[in-house]
């Protein structure tokens, strides 16, 4: 009986210890998994990697660890491109320092008034641009990091146009769905700073919208855009308040500001390219703008008519005609 008891106890002890060992093993595996997940989360955590004159750079830790040398090649370029663009326009953004996020996705870039991944780190609104990490080292046209230059410059134009003047530029001929103005400006910037990149990037300006902006820049220089931007800023323009995007109303408002900045008619540039462009509508908007400017601020109608003009109701300043 004792032998059986001892055997029975020995049997159950071994079984219990085996079970305990099994649970311990599973617990260790689970803990190891949690530890690995924690390590992975830590590895992909977004961190600040560099601060320069105009940009604070952020990237996931693992991407920075693997590509830090390639990314670092663009620190100085981003500052020089910023200076070139703002000096060309003769205008300064409201703030002088933005965020540049190295995206963990491949391909693509963006500009925004608040980068969510950076906001999560800074705890505050973080306007800037994001550029996919592979753009900093992939080879195109025989140039390592070709797309790094192109995407940084292009999205910088979008960011600064929005920050300096307004968001909501026409998506069908200025920026976003079609982006000939940012592309033209990026190419001009690259010709000044990295001409070997510009030579290839310029080939993408072959469409009618791109060529329209090239011709405007060649004929009137940056002064055309500088003056148009300055007037829009002075008036308090927000394109988002003027018609839909896209719409004939918004197109003709933007064309009116360009026309007011030009020494001669721009119809020959706009008519073949912009279907919604109407020179008569542009002329009426310009007349309404002159009426708007002539109003003195102590005029009881000033605020009402100013609000009308800035919301696309330009005809009210012309007596409804």
Foldseek 3Di string as FASTA:
>chain_A
DVVVVVVVVVVVVVVVVVVVVVVVVVVVVVVVVVVVVVVVCQQQQKDFDDDDFAETEIGGNVLCVVCVVLVVVCPVVLVLLLVVVCVQLVHDFPDRHAYEYADQDPDDKAWDQADPSVCVVVVDRGGDMYDHSCLSADDDPNDGSLSVLQRSQLRSVQNRLCRQFEPDAAVVQPDDVDHLPSLLSSLVSCCVPPVVSSVVSVVVLPDLSNVLVVVVCVVPNSQLVSQLRVVRVVLVAYLVLEDDRVDLLSVLVSVLSSCVSDPDDPCVSCVVPPPSHDVVVSVLLNVLVVLLVPDDPVPPCNVVSSVCSNNSNSCVSVVND
